[in-house]
Amino acid sequence: MSRLVVLTKQLTTRSSARRQLIDLTSEVTDFVAESHVREGICVVSVPHATAALIVNEHEGGLLRDLLARIEILFPQSARYEHNAIDDNADAHLAAAFLGHNRAFPVSGGKVIRGTWQNLFLVELDGPRSRREVILQVIGDK
């Protein structure tokens, strides 16, 4: 007999650069495996206004291309009204456009994702000694 469960875990990570991609894939897949949820959904969220989540291939050239494109689209050196307060408007804007959460189907006890799909925390205002990531799996055990 299956039963519906909701399990939540908070991850903590740190960043070492102003803009950085941190691969969270293994933490997410391990959490789902340890949850014993067979069918459901896994939601990943960052409760920060200057960080985001993306899904893409973990290949060095592509990761550098992604960071370079973020800089082109949201240059730190541009003039922003918010910079009168915090000097990090570029990070807020990039996070707003990239998004703060992602959801993955869970089937057969595994996260369903494409062969080349990894989940990355996008640090946009680092380095930071503490970034939190919330994982939540909802489904049948």
N, C-alpha and C. Protein backbone atom coordinates (compact mmCIF):
# COMPACT_ATOMS: atom_id res chain seq x y z
N MET A 1 0.84 -1.18 0.00
CA MET A 1 0.00 0.00 0.00
C MET A 1 0.89 1.24 0.00
N SER A 2 0.59 2.16 -0.89
CA SER A 2 1.38 3.40 -0.94
C SER A 2 0.79 4.45 -0.01
N ARG A 3 1.65 5.38 0.37
CA ARG A 3 1.17 6.48 1.20
C ARG A 3 1.86 7.75 0.73
N LEU A 4 1.13 8.84 0.75
CA LEU A 4 1.64 10.13 0.33
C LEU A 4 2.56 10.70 1.40
N VAL A 5 3.74 11.16 0.99
CA VAL A 5 4.67 11.78 1.93
C VAL A 5 5.17 13.10 1.34
N VAL A 6 5.57 13.98 2.23
CA VAL A 6 6.22 15.23 1.87
C VAL A 6 7.47 15.32 2.73
N LEU A 7 8.62 15.35 2.10
CA LEU A 7 9.89 15.42 2.82
C LEU A 7 10.67 16.64 2.34
N THR A 8 11.27 17.35 3.29
CA THR A 8 12.00 18.58 2.97
C THR A 8 13.40 18.50 3.55
N LYS A 9 14.35 19.02 2.80
CA LYS A 9 15.74 19.07 3.26
C LYS A 9 16.33 20.42 2.85
N GLN A 10 17.13 20.99 3.74
CA GLN A 10 17.84 22.22 3.42
C GLN A 10 19.31 21.91 3.20
N LEU A 11 19.81 22.27 2.02
CA LEU A 11 21.23 22.16 1.73
C LEU A 11 21.88 23.52 2.00
N THR A 12 23.12 23.48 2.39
CA THR A 12 23.89 24.72 2.54
C THR A 12 25.16 24.58 1.72
N THR A 13 25.45 25.61 0.94
CA THR A 13 26.66 25.61 0.14
C THR A 13 27.29 26.99 0.24
N ARG A 14 28.46 27.13 -0.33
CA ARG A 14 29.13 28.43 -0.35
C ARG A 14 29.64 28.67 -1.76
N SER A 15 29.89 29.92 -2.07
CA SER A 15 30.44 30.26 -3.38
C SER A 15 31.78 30.96 -3.19
N SER A 16 32.60 30.90 -4.23
CA SER A 16 33.94 31.48 -4.14
C SER A 16 34.18 32.58 -5.16
N ALA A 17 33.17 32.90 -5.96
CA ALA A 17 33.33 33.93 -6.99
C ALA A 17 32.06 34.77 -7.07
N ARG A 18 32.14 35.92 -7.70
CA ARG A 18 30.96 36.78 -7.83
C ARG A 18 29.87 36.06 -8.61
N ARG A 19 30.25 35.45 -9.71
CA ARG A 19 29.31 34.64 -10.50
C ARG A 19 29.91 33.25 -10.63
N GLN A 20 29.08 32.27 -10.30
CA GLN A 20 29.59 30.90 -10.27
C GLN A 20 28.43 29.93 -10.45
N LEU A 21 28.71 28.78 -11.07
CA LEU A 21 27.74 27.71 -11.21
C LEU A 21 28.16 26.57 -10.30
N ILE A 22 27.25 26.14 -9.44
CA ILE A 22 27.53 25.08 -8.47
C ILE A 22 26.59 23.92 -8.76
N ASP A 23 27.15 22.78 -9.13
CA ASP A 23 26.37 21.61 -9.51
C ASP A 23 25.74 20.96 -8.27
N LEU A 24 24.42 20.88 -8.26
CA LEU A 24 23.67 20.29 -7.15
C LEU A 24 23.04 18.95 -7.51
N THR A 25 23.34 18.43 -8.68
CA THR A 25 22.65 17.25 -9.19
C THR A 25 22.74 16.06 -8.24
N SER A 26 23.92 15.74 -7.78
CA SER A 26 24.06 14.55 -6.92
C SER A 26 23.32 14.73 -5.60
N GLU A 27 23.31 15.93 -5.04
CA GLU A 27 22.57 16.16 -3.79
C GLU A 27 21.07 15.93 -4.00
N VAL A 28 20.56 16.37 -5.14
CA VAL A 28 19.13 16.21 -5.43
C VAL A 28 18.79 14.74 -5.67
N THR A 29 19.57 14.07 -6.50
CA THR A 29 19.27 12.66 -6.79
C THR A 29 19.45 11.78 -5.55
N ASP A 30 20.45 12.09 -4.73
CA ASP A 30 20.64 11.33 -3.48
C ASP A 30 19.46 11.54 -2.53
N PHE A 31 18.98 12.77 -2.41
CA PHE A 31 17.84 13.07 -1.54
C PHE A 31 16.61 12.29 -1.97
N VAL A 32 16.35 12.26 -3.26
CA VAL A 32 15.17 11.52 -3.75
C VAL A 32 15.34 10.03 -3.49
N ALA A 33 16.52 9.50 -3.75
CA ALA A 33 16.76 8.06 -3.50
C ALA A 33 16.57 7.73 -2.02
N GLU A 34 17.09 8.57 -1.14
CA GLU A 34 16.97 8.33 0.30
C GLU A 34 15.54 8.51 0.81
N SER A 35 14.72 9.25 0.07
CA SER A 35 13.33 9.49 0.49
C SER A 35 12.45 8.26 0.30
N HIS A 36 12.85 7.36 -0.59
CA HIS A 36 12.09 6.16 -0.95
C HIS A 36 10.75 6.50 -1.61
N VAL A 37 10.61 7.74 -2.11
CA VAL A 37 9.43 8.10 -2.89
C VAL A 37 9.55 7.42 -4.24
N ARG A 38 8.52 6.70 -4.63
CA ARG A 38 8.53 5.96 -5.90
C ARG A 38 8.02 6.81 -7.05
N GLU A 39 6.91 7.51 -6.81
CA GLU A 39 6.28 8.34 -7.85
C GLU A 39 5.91 9.67 -7.23
N GLY A 40 6.31 10.76 -7.90
CA GLY A 40 5.99 12.07 -7.35
C GLY A 40 6.72 13.19 -8.06
N ILE A 41 7.11 14.17 -7.28
CA ILE A 41 7.78 15.34 -7.83
C ILE A 41 8.81 15.84 -6.82
N CYS A 42 9.91 16.35 -7.32
CA CYS A 42 10.94 16.96 -6.48
C CYS A 42 11.06 18.42 -6.89
N VAL A 43 10.87 19.31 -5.93
CA VAL A 43 10.98 20.74 -6.16
C VAL A 43 12.27 21.22 -5.50
N VAL A 44 13.01 22.05 -6.22
CA VAL A 44 14.24 22.63 -5.69
C VAL A 44 14.08 24.15 -5.77
N SER A 45 14.41 24.83 -4.67
CA SER A 45 14.20 26.27 -4.60
C SER A 45 15.36 26.95 -3.87
N VAL A 46 15.72 28.14 -4.30
CA VAL A 46 16.71 28.94 -3.59
C VAL A 46 16.01 30.17 -3.01
N PRO A 47 16.05 30.33 -1.69
CA PRO A 47 15.39 31.47 -1.05
C PRO A 47 16.29 32.70 -1.00
N HIS A 48 16.81 33.09 -2.15
CA HIS A 48 17.71 34.24 -2.24
C HIS A 48 17.32 35.08 -3.44
N ALA A 49 17.42 36.39 -3.32
CA ALA A 49 17.06 37.30 -4.42
C ALA A 49 18.20 37.50 -5.41
N THR A 50 19.39 36.98 -5.09
CA THR A 50 20.53 37.17 -5.99
C THR A 50 21.19 35.83 -6.35
N ALA A 51 20.40 34.78 -6.36
CA ALA A 51 20.84 33.47 -6.82
C ALA A 51 19.70 32.86 -7.62
N ALA A 52 20.03 31.89 -8.46
CA ALA A 52 19.02 31.27 -9.31
C ALA A 52 19.35 29.80 -9.51
N LEU A 53 18.48 29.10 -10.23
CA LEU A 53 18.69 27.70 -10.58
C LEU A 53 18.51 27.53 -12.08
N ILE A 54 19.41 26.77 -12.69
CA ILE A 54 19.27 26.43 -14.10
C ILE A 54 19.54 24.94 -14.28
N VAL A 55 19.08 24.42 -15.40
CA VAL A 55 19.33 23.03 -15.77
C VAL A 55 20.03 23.04 -17.12
N ASN A 56 21.20 22.38 -17.15
CA ASN A 56 21.94 22.29 -18.41
C ASN A 56 23.08 21.30 -18.26
N GLU A 57 23.84 21.15 -19.31
CA GLU A 57 24.96 20.20 -19.34
C GLU A 57 26.13 20.70 -18.51
N HIS A 58 26.80 19.77 -17.82
CA HIS A 58 27.99 20.12 -17.04
C HIS A 58 29.22 19.90 -17.92
N GLU A 59 29.51 20.89 -18.74
CA GLU A 59 30.67 20.85 -19.63
C GLU A 59 31.36 22.20 -19.48
N GLY A 60 32.66 22.18 -19.25
CA GLY A 60 33.41 23.38 -18.91
C GLY A 60 33.21 24.55 -19.84
N GLY A 61 33.29 24.32 -21.14
CA GLY A 61 33.10 25.40 -22.11
C GLY A 61 31.71 25.99 -22.03
N LEU A 62 30.71 25.14 -21.92
CA LEU A 62 29.34 25.62 -21.82
C LEU A 62 29.13 26.41 -20.53
N LEU A 63 29.69 25.95 -19.43
CA LEU A 63 29.53 26.66 -18.16
C LEU A 63 30.15 28.06 -18.26
N ARG A 64 31.32 28.15 -18.89
CA ARG A 64 31.93 29.47 -19.09
C ARG A 64 31.09 30.33 -20.03
N ASP A 65 30.51 29.71 -21.06
CA ASP A 65 29.64 30.44 -21.98
C ASP A 65 28.40 30.98 -21.25
N LEU A 66 27.82 30.18 -20.38
CA LEU A 66 26.65 30.62 -19.62
C LEU A 66 26.98 31.83 -18.75
N LEU A 67 28.09 31.75 -18.03
CA LEU A 67 28.49 32.87 -17.18
C LEU A 67 28.80 34.12 -18.01
N ALA A 68 29.43 33.93 -19.16
CA ALA A 68 29.74 35.06 -20.04
C ALA A 68 28.46 35.69 -20.57
N ARG A 69 27.47 34.88 -20.93
CA ARG A 69 26.21 35.41 -21.45
C ARG A 69 25.44 36.17 -20.37
N ILE A 70 25.48 35.65 -19.15
CA ILE A 70 24.84 36.37 -18.03
C ILE A 70 25.48 37.75 -17.88
N GLU A 71 26.80 37.83 -18.01
CA GLU A 71 27.50 39.12 -17.90
C GLU A 71 27.09 40.05 -19.04
N ILE A 72 26.93 39.51 -20.26
CA ILE A 72 26.50 40.34 -21.40
C ILE A 72 25.09 40.86 -21.17
N LEU A 73 24.20 40.00 -20.72
CA LEU A 73 22.80 40.39 -20.54
C LEU A 73 22.59 41.29 -19.33
N PHE A 74 23.39 41.07 -18.28
CA PHE A 74 23.23 41.79 -17.02
C PHE A 74 24.60 42.28 -16.53
N PRO A 75 25.21 43.22 -17.24
CA PRO A 75 26.56 43.64 -16.87
C PRO A 75 26.61 44.33 -15.50
N GLN A 76 27.58 43.95 -14.74
CA GLN A 76 27.75 44.54 -13.41
C GLN A 76 28.06 46.03 -13.53
N SER A 77 28.70 46.43 -14.61
CA SER A 77 29.14 47.82 -14.79
C SER A 77 28.03 48.76 -15.28
N ALA A 78 26.87 48.23 -15.62
CA ALA A 78 25.79 49.08 -16.14
C ALA A 78 25.24 49.98 -15.04
N ARG A 79 24.51 51.00 -15.48
CA ARG A 79 23.89 51.91 -14.51
C ARG A 79 22.50 51.39 -14.16
N TYR A 80 22.29 51.13 -12.87
CA TYR A 80 21.01 50.64 -12.37
C TYR A 80 20.58 51.52 -11.20
N GLU A 81 19.30 51.82 -11.11
CA GLU A 81 18.79 52.61 -9.99
C GLU A 81 19.03 51.92 -8.66
N HIS A 82 18.86 50.61 -8.62
CA HIS A 82 19.03 49.86 -7.37
C HIS A 82 20.44 49.98 -6.80
N ASN A 83 21.42 50.24 -7.65
CA ASN A 83 22.80 50.32 -7.18
C ASN A 83 23.03 51.47 -6.20
N ALA A 84 22.12 52.42 -6.16
CA ALA A 84 22.22 53.49 -5.16
C ALA A 84 22.05 52.92 -3.74
N ILE A 85 21.41 51.76 -3.64
CA ILE A 85 21.17 51.11 -2.34
C ILE A 85 22.21 50.04 -2.07
N ASP A 86 22.44 49.15 -3.04
CA ASP A 86 23.16 47.90 -2.78
C ASP A 86 24.32 47.59 -3.71
N ASP A 87 24.38 48.20 -4.86
CA ASP A 87 25.41 47.93 -5.87
C ASP A 87 25.41 46.49 -6.36
N ASN A 88 24.22 45.88 -6.43
CA ASN A 88 24.13 44.51 -6.95
C ASN A 88 22.87 44.30 -7.79
N ALA A 89 22.41 45.36 -8.43
CA ALA A 89 21.19 45.26 -9.24
C ALA A 89 21.32 44.22 -10.34
N ASP A 90 22.51 44.08 -10.92
CA ASP A 90 22.71 43.09 -11.97
C ASP A 90 22.38 41.69 -11.47
N ALA A 91 22.74 41.39 -10.22
CA ALA A 91 22.47 40.07 -9.65
C ALA A 91 20.97 39.86 -9.43
N HIS A 92 20.29 40.89 -8.95
CA HIS A 92 18.84 40.79 -8.77
C HIS A 92 18.12 40.58 -10.10
N LEU A 93 18.53 41.33 -11.12
CA LEU A 93 17.88 41.21 -12.42
C LEU A 93 18.12 39.84 -13.04
N ALA A 94 19.35 39.37 -13.00
CA ALA A 94 19.66 38.05 -13.57
C ALA A 94 18.87 36.96 -12.85
N ALA A 95 18.80 37.03 -11.53
CA ALA A 95 18.05 36.03 -10.77
C ALA A 95 16.57 36.05 -11.14
N ALA A 96 16.02 37.24 -11.32
CA ALA A 96 14.60 37.35 -11.67
C ALA A 96 14.31 36.70 -13.02
N PHE A 97 15.22 36.84 -13.96
CA PHE A 97 15.01 36.27 -15.29
C PHE A 97 15.34 34.78 -15.35
N LEU A 98 16.31 34.33 -14.58
CA LEU A 98 16.68 32.91 -14.59
C LEU A 98 15.73 32.05 -13.77
N GLY A 99 15.24 32.55 -12.66
CA GLY A 99 14.27 31.83 -11.85
C GLY A 99 14.86 31.20 -10.60
N HIS A 100 14.01 31.04 -9.60
CA HIS A 100 14.43 30.58 -8.28
C HIS A 100 14.06 29.14 -7.96
N ASN A 101 13.34 28.47 -8.85
CA ASN A 101 12.99 27.09 -8.54
C ASN A 101 12.88 26.25 -9.80
N ARG A 102 13.01 24.94 -9.58
CA ARG A 102 12.87 23.96 -10.65
C ARG A 102 12.15 22.75 -10.07
N ALA A 103 11.42 22.06 -10.91
CA ALA A 103 10.70 20.85 -10.48
C ALA A 103 11.07 19.71 -11.43
N PHE A 104 11.24 18.54 -10.83
CA PHE A 104 11.58 17.34 -11.59
C PHE A 104 10.58 16.25 -11.27
N PRO A 105 10.13 15.50 -12.27
CA PRO A 105 9.30 14.33 -11.98
C PRO A 105 10.15 13.26 -11.30
N VAL A 106 9.51 12.48 -10.46
CA VAL A 106 10.14 11.32 -9.83
C VAL A 106 9.34 10.11 -10.26
N SER A 107 10.01 9.13 -10.82
CA SER A 107 9.34 7.90 -11.25
C SER A 107 10.28 6.72 -11.01
N GLY A 108 9.73 5.66 -10.48
CA GLY A 108 10.55 4.49 -10.18
C GLY A 108 11.60 4.79 -9.13
N GLY A 109 11.35 5.79 -8.30
CA GLY A 109 12.28 6.16 -7.24
C GLY A 109 13.45 7.01 -7.70
N LYS A 110 13.41 7.47 -8.95
CA LYS A 110 14.52 8.25 -9.50
C LYS A 110 14.04 9.58 -10.06
N VAL A 111 14.92 10.57 -10.01
CA VAL A 111 14.66 11.86 -10.64
C VAL A 111 14.72 11.66 -12.14
N ILE A 112 13.70 12.11 -12.84
CA ILE A 112 13.67 11.98 -14.29
C ILE A 112 14.27 13.26 -14.88
N ARG A 113 15.39 13.09 -15.56
CA ARG A 113 16.06 14.21 -16.22
C ARG A 113 16.78 13.67 -17.44
N GLY A 114 17.08 14.52 -18.36
CA GLY A 114 17.79 14.12 -19.57
C GLY A 114 19.23 13.74 -19.26
N THR A 115 19.81 12.98 -20.16
CA THR A 115 21.18 12.50 -20.00
C THR A 115 22.14 13.63 -19.66
N TRP A 116 21.98 14.77 -20.31
CA TRP A 116 22.93 15.88 -20.14
C TRP A 116 22.38 16.97 -19.23
N GLN A 117 21.33 16.69 -18.51
CA GLN A 117 20.73 17.72 -17.65
C GLN A 117 21.24 17.61 -16.22
N ASN A 118 21.95 18.63 -15.80
CA ASN A 118 22.38 18.78 -14.41
C ASN A 118 21.72 20.04 -13.85
N LEU A 119 21.60 20.07 -12.55
CA LEU A 119 20.99 21.22 -11.88
C LEU A 119 22.10 22.06 -11.25
N PHE A 120 22.07 23.36 -11.52
CA PHE A 120 23.09 24.27 -11.01
C PHE A 120 22.47 25.40 -10.20
N LEU A 121 23.07 25.68 -9.06
CA LEU A 121 22.83 26.93 -8.37
C LEU A 121 23.66 27.98 -9.10
N VAL A 122 23.05 29.08 -9.45
CA VAL A 122 23.75 30.17 -10.11
C VAL A 122 23.99 31.26 -9.08
N GLU A 123 25.22 31.37 -8.64
CA GLU A 123 25.60 32.46 -7.74
C GLU A 123 25.79 33.70 -8.58
N LEU A 124 25.11 34.77 -8.19
CA LEU A 124 25.15 36.01 -8.96
C LEU A 124 25.70 37.19 -8.17
N ASP A 125 25.94 36.99 -6.87
CA ASP A 125 26.38 38.09 -6.01
C ASP A 125 27.34 37.57 -4.94
N GLY A 126 28.30 36.78 -5.37
CA GLY A 126 29.23 36.18 -4.42
C GLY A 126 30.51 36.99 -4.31
N PRO A 127 31.47 36.41 -3.64
CA PRO A 127 31.36 35.13 -2.94
C PRO A 127 30.50 35.24 -1.69
N ARG A 128 29.84 34.13 -1.38
CA ARG A 128 28.97 34.05 -0.21
C ARG A 128 29.39 32.86 0.65
N SER A 129 29.43 33.07 1.94
CA SER A 129 29.80 31.98 2.85
C SER A 129 28.65 31.03 3.08
N ARG A 130 27.42 31.45 2.72
CA ARG A 130 26.26 30.58 2.95
C ARG A 130 25.17 30.85 1.92
N ARG A 131 24.84 29.84 1.18
CA ARG A 131 23.68 29.86 0.28
C ARG A 131 22.85 28.63 0.62
N GLU A 132 21.56 28.84 0.77
CA GLU A 132 20.66 27.74 1.11
C GLU A 132 19.89 27.30 -0.13
N VAL A 133 19.63 26.02 -0.18
CA VAL A 133 18.85 25.41 -1.25
C VAL A 133 17.84 24.49 -0.56
N ILE A 134 16.58 24.66 -0.88
CA ILE A 134 15.52 23.85 -0.29
C ILE A 134 15.11 22.76 -1.28
N LEU A 135 15.15 21.51 -0.82
CA LEU A 135 14.69 20.37 -1.60
C LEU A 135 13.40 19.85 -0.98
N GLN A 136 12.43 19.56 -1.80
CA GLN A 136 11.20 18.97 -1.27
C GLN A 136 10.71 17.92 -2.26
N VAL A 137 10.47 16.71 -1.75
CA VAL A 137 9.92 15.65 -2.57
C VAL A 137 8.53 15.32 -2.04
N ILE A 138 7.60 15.21 -2.97
CA ILE A 138 6.21 14.94 -2.65
C ILE A 138 5.79 13.75 -3.51
N GLY A 139 5.27 12.72 -2.86
CA GLY A 139 4.84 11.58 -3.65
C GLY A 139 4.51 10.37 -2.84
N ASP A 140 4.36 9.26 -3.53
CA ASP A 140 3.98 7.99 -2.91
C ASP A 140 5.19 7.15 -2.58
N LYS A 141 5.18 6.61 -1.36
CA LYS A 141 6.22 5.66 -0.93
C LYS A 141 5.78 4.26 -1.23
